[in-house]
C-alpha atoms as a PDB file:
ATOM      1  CA  MET A   1      31.243  27.006 -15.858  1.00  0.00           C
ATOM      2  CA  GLU A   2      29.802  29.900 -17.795  1.00  0.00           C
ATOM      3  CA  ILE A   3      26.436  31.479 -17.219  1.00  0.00           C
ATOM      4  CA  SER A   4      24.890  33.802 -19.761  1.00  0.00           C
ATOM      5  CA  HIS A   5      24.664  37.433 -18.855  1.00  0.00           C
ATOM      6  CA  ALA A   6      22.897  40.556 -19.959  1.00  0.00           C
ATOM      7  CA  TYR A   7      24.230  44.083 -20.167  1.00  0.00           C
ATOM      8  CA  PHE A   8      22.880  46.944 -18.113  1.00  0.00           C
ATOM      9  CA  SER A   9      21.905  50.300 -19.548  1.00  0.00           C
ATOM     10  CA  VAL A  10      20.744  53.162 -17.374  1.00  0.00           C
ATOM     11  CA  HIS A  11      17.029  53.761 -17.707  1.00  0.00           C
ATOM     12  CA  ARG A  12      16.428  57.433 -18.384  1.00  0.00           C
ATOM     13  CA  PRO A  13      13.074  58.943 -17.470  1.00  0.00           C
ATOM     14  CA  GLY A  14      10.523  59.737 -20.133  1.00  0.00           C
ATOM     15  CA  ASN A  15       8.550  62.943 -20.470  1.00  0.00           C
ATOM     16  CA  GLY A  16       7.836  64.618 -17.170  1.00  0.00           C
ATOM     17  CA  HIS A  17       7.640  68.002 -15.558  1.00  0.00           C
ATOM     18  CA  GLY A  18       9.059  70.041 -12.700  1.00  0.00           C
ATOM     19  CA  ALA A  19      10.549  68.503  -9.593  1.00  0.00           C
ATOM     20  CA  GLY A  20       9.811  64.932 -10.692  1.00  0.00           C
ATOM     21  CA  LEU A  21      11.953  65.312 -13.807  1.00  0.00           C
ATOM     22  CA  ALA A  22      14.716  67.098 -11.906  1.00  0.00           C
ATOM     23  CA  SER A  23      14.750  64.398  -9.246  1.00  0.00           C
ATOM     24  CA  GLY A  24      14.897  61.671 -11.872  1.00  0.00           C
ATOM     25  CA  LEU A  25      17.741  63.337 -13.718  1.00  0.00           C
ATOM     26  CA  THR A  26      19.645  63.814 -10.476  1.00  0.00           C
ATOM     27  CA  THR A  27      19.261  60.136  -9.617  1.00  0.00           C
ATOM     28  CA  VAL A  28      20.393  59.018 -13.056  1.00  0.00           C
ATOM     29  CA  ALA A  29      23.336  61.416 -12.975  1.00  0.00           C
ATOM     30  CA  ALA A  30      24.410  60.086  -9.575  1.00  0.00           C
ATOM     31  CA  VAL A  31      24.299  56.510 -10.854  1.00  0.00           C
ATOM     32  CA  ASP A  32      26.130  57.446 -14.052  1.00  0.00           C
ATOM     33  CA  GLU A  33      28.914  59.112 -12.063  1.00  0.00           C
ATOM     34  CA  PHE A  34      29.278  56.309  -9.480  1.00  0.00           C
ATOM     35  CA  PRO A  35      31.838  55.764  -8.101  1.00  0.00           C
ATOM     36  CA  THR A  36      33.313  59.165  -7.350  1.00  0.00           C
ATOM     37  CA  LYS A  37      35.583  57.938  -4.546  1.00  0.00           C
ATOM     38  CA  ASP A  38      37.347  54.775  -3.408  1.00  0.00           C
ATOM     39  CA  VAL A  39      35.276  51.629  -2.838  1.00  0.00           C
ATOM     40  CA  ARG A  40      36.034  49.485   0.198  1.00  0.00           C
ATOM     41  CA  ASP A  41      36.150  45.750  -0.571  1.00  0.00           C
ATOM     42  CA  VAL A  42      35.797  43.820   2.691  1.00  0.00           C
ATOM     43  CA  ILE A  43      37.185  40.285   2.574  1.00  0.00           C
ATOM     44  CA  PRO A  44      35.577  38.233   5.405  1.00  0.00           C
ATOM     45  CA  PHE A  45      38.671  36.009   5.594  1.00  0.00           C
ATOM     46  CA  GLY A  46      42.342  36.494   6.327  1.00  0.00           C
ATOM     47  CA  PRO A  47      44.936  37.412   3.692  1.00  0.00           C
ATOM     48  CA  GLY A  48      46.362  34.897   1.256  1.00  0.00           C
ATOM     49  CA  GLY A  49      43.228  32.986   0.269  1.00  0.00           C
ATOM     50  CA  GLU A  50      41.286  32.930  -2.988  1.00  0.00           C
ATOM     51  CA  SER A  51      39.045  35.841  -2.011  1.00  0.00           C
ATOM     52  CA  ASP A  52      42.102  37.973  -1.298  1.00  0.00           C
ATOM     53  CA  ILE A  53      43.914  36.911  -4.479  1.00  0.00           C
ATOM     54  CA  SER A  54      40.843  37.689  -6.583  1.00  0.00           C
ATOM     55  CA  ALA A  55      40.364  41.128  -5.061  1.00  0.00           C
ATOM     56  CA  ARG A  56      44.021  42.002  -5.587  1.00  0.00           C
ATOM     57  CA  LEU A  57      43.782  41.082  -9.261  1.00  0.00           C
ATOM     58  CA  GLN A  58      40.544  43.050  -9.679  1.00  0.00           C
ATOM     59  CA  GLN A  59      42.042  46.227  -8.199  1.00  0.00           C
ATOM     60  CA  LYS A  60      43.999  47.177 -11.325  1.00  0.00           C
ATOM     61  CA  TYR A  61      41.053  46.785 -13.672  1.00  0.00           C
ATOM     62  CA  PHE A  62      38.621  48.488 -11.291  1.00  0.00           C
ATOM     63  CA  GLU A  63      40.822  51.577 -11.342  1.00  0.00           C
ATOM     64  CA  GLU A  64      41.160  51.450 -15.139  1.00  0.00           C
ATOM     65  CA  ILE A  65      37.371  51.410 -15.535  1.00  0.00           C
ATOM     66  CA  THR A  66      36.340  53.836 -12.789  1.00  0.00           C
ATOM     67  CA  GLY A  67      39.398  55.952 -12.015  1.00  0.00           C
ATOM     68  CA  GLU A  68      38.911  55.075  -8.342  1.00  0.00           C
ATOM     69  CA  GLN A  69      40.671  52.638  -6.007  1.00  0.00           C
ATOM     70  CA  LEU A  70      39.317  49.300  -4.810  1.00  0.00           C
ATOM     71  CA  VAL A  71      40.617  49.216  -1.234  1.00  0.00           C
ATOM     72  CA  VAL A  72      40.883  45.748   0.303  1.00  0.00           C
ATOM     73  CA  GLN A  73      40.161  45.287   3.998  1.00  0.00           C
ATOM     74  CA  TYR A  74      40.216  41.988   5.913  1.00  0.00           C
ATOM     75  CA  MET A  75      37.635  40.922   8.488  1.00  0.00           C
ATOM     76  CA  PRO A  76      38.421  37.288   9.398  1.00  0.00           C
ATOM     77  CA  GLY A  77      36.819  35.241  12.141  1.00  0.00           C
ATOM     78  CA  GLY A  78      33.828  33.078  12.895  1.00  0.00           C
ATOM     79  CA  GLY A  79      35.187  29.892  11.346  1.00  0.00           C
ATOM     80  CA  GLY A  80      35.591  31.549   7.975  1.00  0.00           C
ATOM     81  CA  GLY A  81      33.379  34.434   6.887  1.00  0.00           C
ATOM     82  CA  ALA A  82      30.748  34.606   9.621  1.00  0.00           C
ATOM     83  CA  VAL A  83      32.114  37.659  11.448  1.00  0.00           C
ATOM     84  CA  GLY A  84      32.160  39.765   8.305  1.00  0.00           C
ATOM     85  CA  TRP A  85      28.798  38.621   6.986  1.00  0.00           C
ATOM     86  CA  SER A  86      27.159  39.216  10.376  1.00  0.00           C
ATOM     87  CA  GLN A  87      28.320  42.851  10.243  1.00  0.00           C
ATOM     88  CA  LEU A  88      27.414  43.562   6.629  1.00  0.00           C
ATOM     89  CA  SER A  89      23.907  44.759   7.517  1.00  0.00           C
ATOM     90  CA  GLU A  90      25.408  47.515   9.699  1.00  0.00           C
ATOM     91  CA  MET A  91      27.623  48.905   6.946  1.00  0.00           C
ATOM     92  CA  PRO A  92      26.858  51.919   4.715  1.00  0.00           C
ATOM     93  CA  THR A  93      24.340  51.383   1.926  1.00  0.00           C
ATOM     94  CA  ASP A  94      25.765  53.895  -0.536  1.00  0.00           C
ATOM     95  CA  GLY A  95      27.614  51.304  -2.633  1.00  0.00           C
ATOM     96  CA  TYR A  96      31.046  52.340  -1.406  1.00  0.00           C
ATOM     97  CA  THR A  97      31.304  49.268   0.831  1.00  0.00           C
ATOM     98  CA  ILE A  98      31.123  45.826  -0.764  1.00  0.00           C
ATOM     99  CA  MET A  99      31.941  42.433   0.717  1.00  0.00           C
ATOM    100  CA  GLY A 100      33.143  39.107  -0.619  1.00  0.00           C
ATOM    101  CA  SER A 101      30.393  36.489  -0.806  1.00  0.00           C
ATOM    102  CA  ASN A 102      31.134  32.755  -0.886  1.00  0.00           C
ATOM    103  CA  LEU A 103      29.093  29.670  -1.687  1.00  0.00           C
ATOM    104  CA  PRO A 104      28.244  27.324  -0.095  1.00  0.00           C
ATOM    105  CA  HIS A 105      29.326  29.194   3.053  1.00  0.00           C
ATOM    106  CA  ILE A 106      26.577  31.842   3.072  1.00  0.00           C
ATOM    107  CA  ILE A 107      23.895  29.157   2.638  1.00  0.00           C
ATOM    108  CA  LEU A 108      25.164  26.406   4.931  1.00  0.00           C
ATOM    109  CA  LYS A 109      26.458  28.417   7.891  1.00  0.00           C
ATOM    110  CA  PRO A 110      23.045  29.848   8.888  1.00  0.00           C
ATOM    111  CA  MET A 111      21.503  26.373   8.499  1.00  0.00           C
ATOM    112  CA  GLY A 112      23.927  24.788  10.924  1.00  0.00           C
ATOM    113  CA  LYS A 113      23.741  27.229  13.841  1.00  0.00           C
ATOM    114  CA  ASP A 114      23.193  30.856  14.819  1.00  0.00           C
ATOM    115  CA  VAL A 115      26.079  32.659  13.131  1.00  0.00           C
ATOM    116  CA  GLY A 116      24.703  36.190  13.327  1.00  0.00           C
ATOM    117  CA  PHE A 117      23.410  36.425   9.766  1.00  0.00           C
ATOM    118  CA  GLN A 118      20.943  34.868   7.352  1.00  0.00           C
ATOM    119  CA  THR A 119      21.590  34.126   3.697  1.00  0.00           C
ATOM    120  CA  ASP A 120      19.111  36.804   2.638  1.00  0.00           C
ATOM    121  CA  ASP A 121      21.067  39.458   4.566  1.00  0.00           C
ATOM    122  CA  LEU A 122      23.551  39.483   1.696  1.00  0.00           C
ATOM    123  CA  ASN A 123      22.462  41.370  -1.408  1.00  0.00           C
ATOM    124  CA  ASN A 124      24.656  39.606  -3.949  1.00  0.00           C
ATOM    125  CA  PHE A 125      25.211  41.651  -7.100  1.00  0.00           C
ATOM    126  CA  PHE A 126      27.796  39.586  -9.017  1.00  0.00           C
ATOM    127  CA  TYR A 127      29.388  36.116  -8.904  1.00  0.00           C
ATOM    128  CA  PHE A 128      32.565  35.837 -10.914  1.00  0.00           C
ATOM    129  CA  HIS A 129      34.401  32.527 -10.470  1.00  0.00           C
ATOM    130  CA  TYR A 130      34.512  28.980  -9.178  1.00  0.00           C
ATOM    131  CA  SER A 131      37.314  26.758  -7.868  1.00  0.00           C
ATOM    132  CA  PRO A 132      37.057  22.946  -7.530  1.00  0.00           C
ATOM    133  CA  ASP A 133      37.832  21.198  -4.237  1.00  0.00           C
ATOM    134  CA  ALA A 134      41.087  19.237  -4.028  1.00  0.00           C
ATOM    135  CA  ILE A 135      43.144  17.312  -1.476  1.00  0.00           C
ATOM    136  CA  LEU A 136      46.672  18.673  -1.120  1.00  0.00           C
ATOM    137  CA  VAL A 137      49.760  17.407   0.688  1.00  0.00           C
ATOM    138  CA  ARG A 138      53.277  18.769   1.005  1.00  0.00           C
ATOM    139  CA  LYS A 139      55.799  17.851  -1.673  1.00  0.00           C
ATOM    140  CA  ASP A 140      57.757  15.818   0.888  1.00  0.00           C
ATOM    141  CA  SER A 141      54.661  13.951   2.103  1.00  0.00           C
ATOM    142  CA  PRO A 142      54.796  10.145   2.076  1.00  0.00           C
ATOM    143  CA  TYR A 143      51.348  10.210   0.442  1.00  0.00           C
ATOM    144  CA  GLU A 144      51.989  10.007  -3.292  1.00  0.00           C
ATOM    145  CA  THR A 145      48.406   9.107  -4.212  1.00  0.00           C
ATOM    146  CA  LEU A 146      44.924   9.306  -2.744  1.00  0.00           C
ATOM    147  CA  ASP A 147      45.110   5.575  -2.035  1.00  0.00           C
ATOM    148  CA  ASP A 148      48.215   6.202   0.082  1.00  0.00           C
ATOM    149  CA  LEU A 149      46.297   8.728   2.160  1.00  0.00           C
ATOM    150  CA  ILE A 150      43.293   6.437   2.531  1.00  0.00           C
ATOM    151  CA  GLN A 151      45.534   3.585   3.653  1.00  0.00           C
ATOM    152  CA  ALA A 152      47.037   5.803   6.358  1.00  0.00           C
ATOM    153  CA  VAL A 153      43.575   6.863   7.502  1.00  0.00           C
ATOM    154  CA  ASN A 154      42.415   3.246   7.707  1.00  0.00           C
ATOM    155  CA  GLU A 155      45.454   2.291   9.776  1.00  0.00           C
ATOM    156  CA  ALA A 156      44.692   4.993  12.349  1.00  0.00           C
ATOM    157  CA  PRO A 157      41.092   6.301  12.064  1.00  0.00           C
ATOM    158  CA  GLY A 158      40.863   9.932  13.137  1.00  0.00           C
ATOM    159  CA  ALA A 159      44.615  10.387  13.416  1.00  0.00           C
ATOM    160  CA  VAL A 160      45.120  11.932   9.977  1.00  0.00           C
ATOM    161  CA  THR A 161      44.322  15.650  10.078  1.00  0.00           C
ATOM    162  CA  LEU A 162      43.210  17.861   7.202  1.00  0.00           C
ATOM    163  CA  SER A 163      43.010  21.643   7.340  1.00  0.00           C
ATOM    164  CA  GLY A 164      40.321  23.596   5.536  1.00  0.00           C
ATOM    165  CA  SER A 165      38.596  26.950   5.266  1.00  0.00           C
ATOM    166  CA  GLY A 166      36.059  27.125   8.069  1.00  0.00           C
ATOM    167  CA  THR A 167      33.025  25.074   9.037  1.00  0.00           C
ATOM    168  CA  TYR A 168      29.921  24.684   6.864  1.00  0.00           C
ATOM    169  CA  SER A 169      32.156  25.596   3.939  1.00  0.00           C
ATOM    170  CA  ALA A 170      32.936  23.911   0.629  1.00  0.00           C
ATOM    171  CA  ASN A 171      35.938  22.265   2.308  1.00  0.00           C
ATOM    172  CA  ASP A 172      33.862  21.032   5.240  1.00  0.00           C
ATOM    173  CA  VAL A 173      31.218  19.594   2.912  1.00  0.00           C
ATOM    174  CA  ALA A 174      33.907  17.942   0.785  1.00  0.00           C
ATOM    175  CA  ASN A 175      35.573  16.313   3.793  1.00  0.00           C
ATOM    176  CA  THR A 176      32.268  14.986   5.120  1.00  0.00           C
ATOM    177  CA  ARG A 177      31.279  13.682   1.709  1.00  0.00           C
ATOM    178  CA  PHE A 178      34.664  12.028   1.197  1.00  0.00           C
ATOM    179  CA  GLN A 179      34.495  10.278   4.572  1.00  0.00           C
ATOM    180  CA  GLN A 180      31.129   8.821   3.622  1.00  0.00           C
ATOM    181  CA  LEU A 181      32.162   7.664   0.157  1.00  0.00           C
ATOM    182  CA  ALA A 182      35.534   6.244   1.201  1.00  0.00           C
ATOM    183  CA  ASP A 183      34.202   4.908   4.531  1.00  0.00           C
ATOM    184  CA  VAL A 184      37.011   6.547   6.482  1.00  0.00           C
ATOM    185  CA  THR A 185      37.357   8.815   9.512  1.00  0.00           C
ATOM    186  CA  THR A 186      39.611  11.858   9.333  1.00  0.00           C
ATOM    187  CA  THR A 187      39.950  14.887  11.589  1.00  0.00           C
ATOM    188  CA  TYR A 188      38.980  18.131   9.859  1.00  0.00           C
ATOM    189  CA  ILE A 189      40.517  21.271  11.374  1.00  0.00           C
ATOM    190  CA  PRO A 190      38.829  24.526  10.274  1.00  0.00           C
ATOM    191  CA  PHE A 191      40.852  27.702   9.793  1.00  0.00           C
ATOM    192  CA  LYS A 192      39.849  31.298   9.017  1.00  0.00           C
ATOM    193  CA  GLY A 193      40.564  30.914   5.306  1.00  0.00           C
ATOM    194  CA  THR A 194      42.570  28.926   2.800  1.00  0.00           C
ATOM    195  CA  GLY A 195      45.630  31.070   3.457  1.00  0.00           C
ATOM    196  CA  ALA A 196      45.709  29.978   7.102  1.00  0.00           C
ATOM    197  CA  ALA A 197      44.858  26.396   6.129  1.00  0.00           C
ATOM    198  CA  MET A 198      47.832  26.333   3.744  1.00  0.00           C
ATOM    199  CA  THR A 199      50.133  27.789   6.405  1.00  0.00           C
ATOM    200  CA  ALA A 200      49.090  24.927   8.688  1.00  0.00           C
ATOM    201  CA  LEU A 201      49.891  22.376   5.982  1.00  0.00           C
ATOM    202  CA  LEU A 202      53.275  23.844   5.097  1.00  0.00           C
ATOM    203  CA  GLY A 203      54.129  24.211   8.782  1.00  0.00           C
ATOM    204  CA  GLY A 204      53.426  20.544   9.469  1.00  0.00           C
ATOM    205  CA  GLN A 205      50.444  21.162  11.753  1.00  0.00           C
ATOM    206  CA  VAL A 206      48.304  18.885   9.563  1.00  0.00           C
ATOM    207  CA  GLN A 207      49.068  16.049   7.159  1.00  0.00           C
ATOM    208  CA  ALA A 208      46.824  17.240   4.332  1.00  0.00           C
ATOM    209  CA  GLU A 209      44.556  20.086   3.303  1.00  0.00           C
ATOM    210  CA  TRP A 210      41.164  20.412   1.718  1.00  0.00           C
ATOM    211  CA  GLY A 211      41.916  23.250  -0.653  1.00  0.00           C
ATOM    212  CA  TYR A 212      41.227  24.119  -4.258  1.00  0.00           C
ATOM    213  CA  THR A 213      42.967  23.989  -7.607  1.00  0.00           C
ATOM    214  CA  THR A 214      43.772  27.644  -7.016  1.00  0.00           C
ATOM    215  CA  VAL A 215      45.715  26.820  -3.858  1.00  0.00           C
ATOM    216  CA  ALA A 216      47.723  24.182  -5.702  1.00  0.00           C
ATOM    217  CA  ALA A 217      48.431  26.614  -8.548  1.00  0.00           C
ATOM    218  CA  ASN A 218      49.708  29.230  -6.113  1.00  0.00           C
ATOM    219  CA  HIS A 219      52.014  26.767  -4.314  1.00  0.00           C
ATOM    220  CA  GLN A 220      53.049  24.374  -7.072  1.00  0.00           C
ATOM    221  CA  ASP A 221      56.624  24.119  -5.810  1.00  0.00           C
ATOM    222  CA  LYS A 222      55.515  23.230  -2.281  1.00  0.00           C
ATOM    223  CA  VAL A 223      52.454  20.991  -2.551  1.00  0.00           C
ATOM    224  CA  ARG A 224      51.149  17.976  -4.423  1.00  0.00           C
ATOM    225  CA  MET A 225      47.501  17.559  -5.390  1.00  0.00           C
ATOM    226  CA  LEU A 226      46.157  14.031  -4.928  1.00  0.00           C
ATOM    227  CA  ALA A 227      42.706  14.410  -6.498  1.00  0.00           C
ATOM    228  CA  VAL A 228      40.366  17.123  -7.756  1.00  0.00           C
ATOM    229  CA  ALA A 229      36.578  17.280  -7.365  1.00  0.00           C
ATOM    230  CA  ALA A 230      35.802  18.215 -10.955  1.00  0.00           C
ATOM    231  CA  GLU A 231      34.126  16.451 -13.845  1.00  0.00           C
ATOM    232  CA  GLU A 232      37.347  16.588 -15.856  1.00  0.00           C
ATOM    233  CA  ARG A 233      41.030  16.925 -15.056  1.00  0.00           C
ATOM    234  CA  HIS A 234      42.142  20.512 -14.668  1.00  0.00           C
ATOM    235  CA  PRO A 235      44.251  21.712 -17.641  1.00  0.00           C
ATOM    236  CA  MET A 236      46.907  23.050 -15.269  1.00  0.00           C
ATOM    237  CA  PHE A 237      47.194  19.634 -13.602  1.00  0.00           C
ATOM    238  CA  PRO A 238      46.716  17.035 -16.346  1.00  0.00           C
ATOM    239  CA  ASP A 239      48.364  14.297 -14.260  1.00  0.00           C
ATOM    240  CA  VAL A 240      46.042  14.729 -11.274  1.00  0.00           C
ATOM    241  CA  PRO A 241      43.018  12.391 -11.381  1.00  0.00           C
ATOM    242  CA  THR A 242      39.481  13.413 -10.535  1.00  0.00           C
ATOM    243  CA  PHE A 243      37.750  11.807  -7.582  1.00  0.00           C
ATOM    244  CA  GLN A 244      35.323  10.248 -10.050  1.00  0.00           C
ATOM    245  CA  GLU A 245      38.173   8.534 -11.869  1.00  0.00           C
ATOM    246  CA  LEU A 246      39.218   7.017  -8.556  1.00  0.00           C
ATOM    247  CA  GLY A 247      35.716   5.749  -7.811  1.00  0.00           C
ATOM    248  CA  TYR A 248      34.353   8.551  -5.612  1.00  0.00           C
ATOM    249  CA  ASP A 249      31.409  10.535  -6.955  1.00  0.00           C
ATOM    250  CA  MET A 250      32.590  13.962  -5.879  1.00  0.00           C
ATOM    251  CA  VAL A 251      32.198  17.144  -7.905  1.00  0.00           C
ATOM    252  CA  GLY A 252      32.159  20.402  -5.974  1.00  0.00           C
ATOM    253  CA  GLY A 253      33.956  23.496  -4.854  1.00  0.00           C
ATOM    254  CA  ALA A 254      33.518  27.139  -3.932  1.00  0.00           C
ATOM    255  CA  TYR A 255      31.854  30.019  -5.767  1.00  0.00           C
ATOM    256  CA  ARG A 256      32.932  33.593  -5.113  1.00  0.00           C
ATOM    257  CA  GLY A 257      31.121  36.837  -5.663  1.00  0.00           C
ATOM    258  CA  MET A 258      30.265  40.157  -4.056  1.00  0.00           C
ATOM    259  CA  ALA A 259      27.463  41.577  -1.964  1.00  0.00           C
ATOM    260  CA  VAL A 260      26.265  44.860  -0.490  1.00  0.00           C
ATOM    261  CA  PRO A 261      24.120  45.591   2.585  1.00  0.00           C
ATOM    262  CA  GLU A 262      20.352  45.496   2.375  1.00  0.00           C
ATOM    263  CA  GLY A 263      19.062  48.938   1.461  1.00  0.00           C
ATOM    264  CA  THR A 264      21.706  49.658  -1.170  1.00  0.00           C
ATOM    265  CA  PRO A 265      19.833  51.164  -4.161  1.00  0.00           C
ATOM    266  CA  LYS A 266      19.238  48.723  -7.005  1.00  0.00           C
ATOM    267  CA  GLU A 267      20.661  51.224  -9.480  1.00  0.00           C
ATOM    268  CA  THR A 268      23.921  51.284  -7.536  1.00  0.00           C
ATOM    269  CA  GLN A 269      23.987  47.496  -7.281  1.00  0.00           C
ATOM    270  CA  GLN A 270      23.485  47.286 -11.032  1.00  0.00           C
ATOM    271  CA  LYS A 271      26.332  49.716 -11.683  1.00  0.00           C
ATOM    272  CA  LEU A 272      28.623  47.635  -9.482  1.00  0.00           C
ATOM    273  CA  SER A 273      27.521  44.499 -11.301  1.00  0.00           C
ATOM    274  CA  ASP A 274      28.291  46.212 -14.585  1.00  0.00           C
ATOM    275  CA  ILE A 275      31.785  47.217 -13.478  1.00  0.00           C
ATOM    276  CA  PHE A 276      32.793  43.751 -12.324  1.00  0.00           C
ATOM    277  CA  GLN A 277      31.260  42.227 -15.437  1.00  0.00           C
ATOM    278  CA  GLN A 278      33.580  44.446 -17.474  1.00  0.00           C
ATOM    279  CA  ILE A 279      36.520  43.234 -15.414  1.00  0.00           C
ATOM    280  CA  ASN A 280      35.542  39.614 -16.027  1.00  0.00           C
ATOM    281  CA  GLU A 281      35.413  40.258 -19.780  1.00  0.00           C
ATOM    282  CA  ASN A 282      38.944  41.657 -19.935  1.00  0.00           C
ATOM    283  CA  PRO A 283      41.172  39.086 -21.748  1.00  0.00           C
ATOM    284  CA  GLU A 284      44.204  39.973 -19.625  1.00  0.00           C
ATOM    285  CA  PHE A 285      42.251  39.452 -16.417  1.00  0.00           C
ATOM    286  CA  GLN A 286      40.815  36.190 -17.751  1.00  0.00           C
ATOM    287  CA  GLN A 287      44.292  34.859 -18.459  1.00  0.00           C
ATOM    288  CA  GLU A 288      45.564  35.856 -15.029  1.00  0.00           C
ATOM    289  CA  MET A 289      42.671  34.085 -13.340  1.00  0.00           C
ATOM    290  CA  GLN A 290      43.010  30.945 -15.431  1.00  0.00           C
ATOM    291  CA  ASP A 291      46.740  30.803 -14.727  1.00  0.00           C
ATOM    292  CA  LEU A 292      45.893  30.698 -11.026  1.00  0.00           C
ATOM    293  CA  GLY A 293      43.472  27.794 -11.398  1.00  0.00           C
ATOM    294  CA  PHE A 294      40.170  29.696 -11.286  1.00  0.00           C
ATOM    295  CA  VAL A 295      37.208  28.880 -13.513  1.00  0.00           C
ATOM    296  CA  LEU A 296      35.513  32.127 -14.560  1.00  0.00           C
ATOM    297  CA  MET A 297      31.741  32.492 -14.560  1.00  0.00           C
ATOM    298  CA  ASP A 298      29.292  35.360 -15.002  1.00  0.00           C
ATOM    299  CA  VAL A 299      26.245  35.803 -12.779  1.00  0.00           C
ATOM    300  CA  PRO A 300      25.145  39.460 -12.969  1.00  0.00           C
ATOM    301  CA  LEU A 301      22.540  41.118 -10.778  1.00  0.00           C
ATOM    302  CA  GLU A 302      19.601  40.395 -13.074  1.00  0.00           C
ATOM    303  CA  GLU A 303      20.262  36.640 -12.893  1.00  0.00           C
ATOM    304  CA  MET A 304      21.167  36.496  -9.211  1.00  0.00           C
ATOM    305  CA  ASP A 305      17.794  35.524  -7.722  1.00  0.00           C
ATOM    306  CA  GLU A 306      17.479  32.495  -9.981  1.00  0.00           C
ATOM    307  CA  PHE A 307      21.107  31.496  -9.400  1.00  0.00           C
ATOM    308  CA  MET A 308      20.853  31.759  -5.609  1.00  0.00           C
ATOM    309  CA  ALA A 309      17.577  29.835  -5.480  1.00  0.00           C
ATOM    310  CA  GLU A 310      19.158  26.958  -7.382  1.00  0.00           C
ATOM    311  CA  GLN A 311      22.297  26.985  -5.228  1.00  0.00           C
ATOM    312  CA  HIS A 312      20.181  26.992  -2.070  1.00  0.00           C
ATOM    313  CA  ARG A 313      18.283  23.929  -3.286  1.00  0.00           C
ATOM    314  CA  VAL A 314      21.447  22.047  -4.248  1.00  0.00           C
ATOM    315  CA  TYR A 315      23.481  22.845  -1.142  1.00  0.00           C
ATOM    316  CA  GLU A 316      20.669  22.179   1.303  1.00  0.00           C
ATOM    317  CA  ALA A 317      20.179  18.737  -0.242  1.00  0.00           C
ATOM    318  CA  THR A 318      23.936  18.086  -0.145  1.00  0.00           C
ATOM    319  CA  ALA A 319      24.227  19.178   3.487  1.00  0.00           C
ATOM    320  CA  ARG A 320      21.328  16.971   4.560  1.00  0.00           C
ATOM    321  CA  GLU A 321      22.788  14.014   2.707  1.00  0.00           C
ATOM    322  CA  ALA A 322      26.159  14.619   4.349  1.00  0.00           C
ATOM    323  CA  GLY A 323      24.580  14.942   7.795  1.00  0.00           C
ATOM    324  CA  LEU A 324      25.781  18.506   8.364  1.00  0.00           C
ATOM    325  CA  ILE A 325      22.214  19.634   9.066  1.00  0.00           C
ATOM    326  CA  ASP A 326      19.090  17.763  10.216  1.00  0.00           C
END
């Protein structure tokens, strides 16, 4: 998926006099020079998941562009993301603290229950990639195909367990949707991120996992993907069918971006958006992301309101249809 983007140029003040001009020039200079120290990138999940992998890849290019470090910090908990997002509003608003932002998580979680934050608490400044949902099993699993898994579920409803990243997440929505379409009953076990969900699968705590193409790409020697929730087969996995091919109308996944606390100056948000847009445009970075199963996209600050409004409409309708919210 690719969304058009626009470039940002600093607006310099026109003719003016005295303190007003000096103040304007100072503000512009501060924005031009940002950042002048390390930026803390808070990942509201545990290590090893897509948010962590993305941040680690972005670090190199962030330093090349800015000369400063992008320092990753983890803040897992709350069924995947909620603990971090509930604390974002209390963090500094100078632009030196940013946080990973995930869809549909930030929309669905506040709809389902009181999780300590509202969607609007996150000032999203850039969304950079997407990863389709997929069902994964271990390489030594007896389930060779999706039909094999469905047969096992039908033989013992509720006995087959699938791990996933949190509740009211893309994985949770996918599992609920799949149960409806296939008329089956599974047991979904939420973890604090895809890293923990994969550990549970590889450790034999669950029989399958709701993950993403990115998870399969990162563990190709250990897992087998049974189906992918995309409109077309993923180029990295040409032998893996889509759910649609198998008769289940499922297309979905997780979007990832970045947010800052409310009160962060728009000029600073725009500069951050600009920096990560530059990273996304780097051919080397693009290749690294594609090799890991990500689908790059560009949603800069100036297009964010429209993008979020559309995602809110789509995910609310999906959640109601799936019975996750009333």
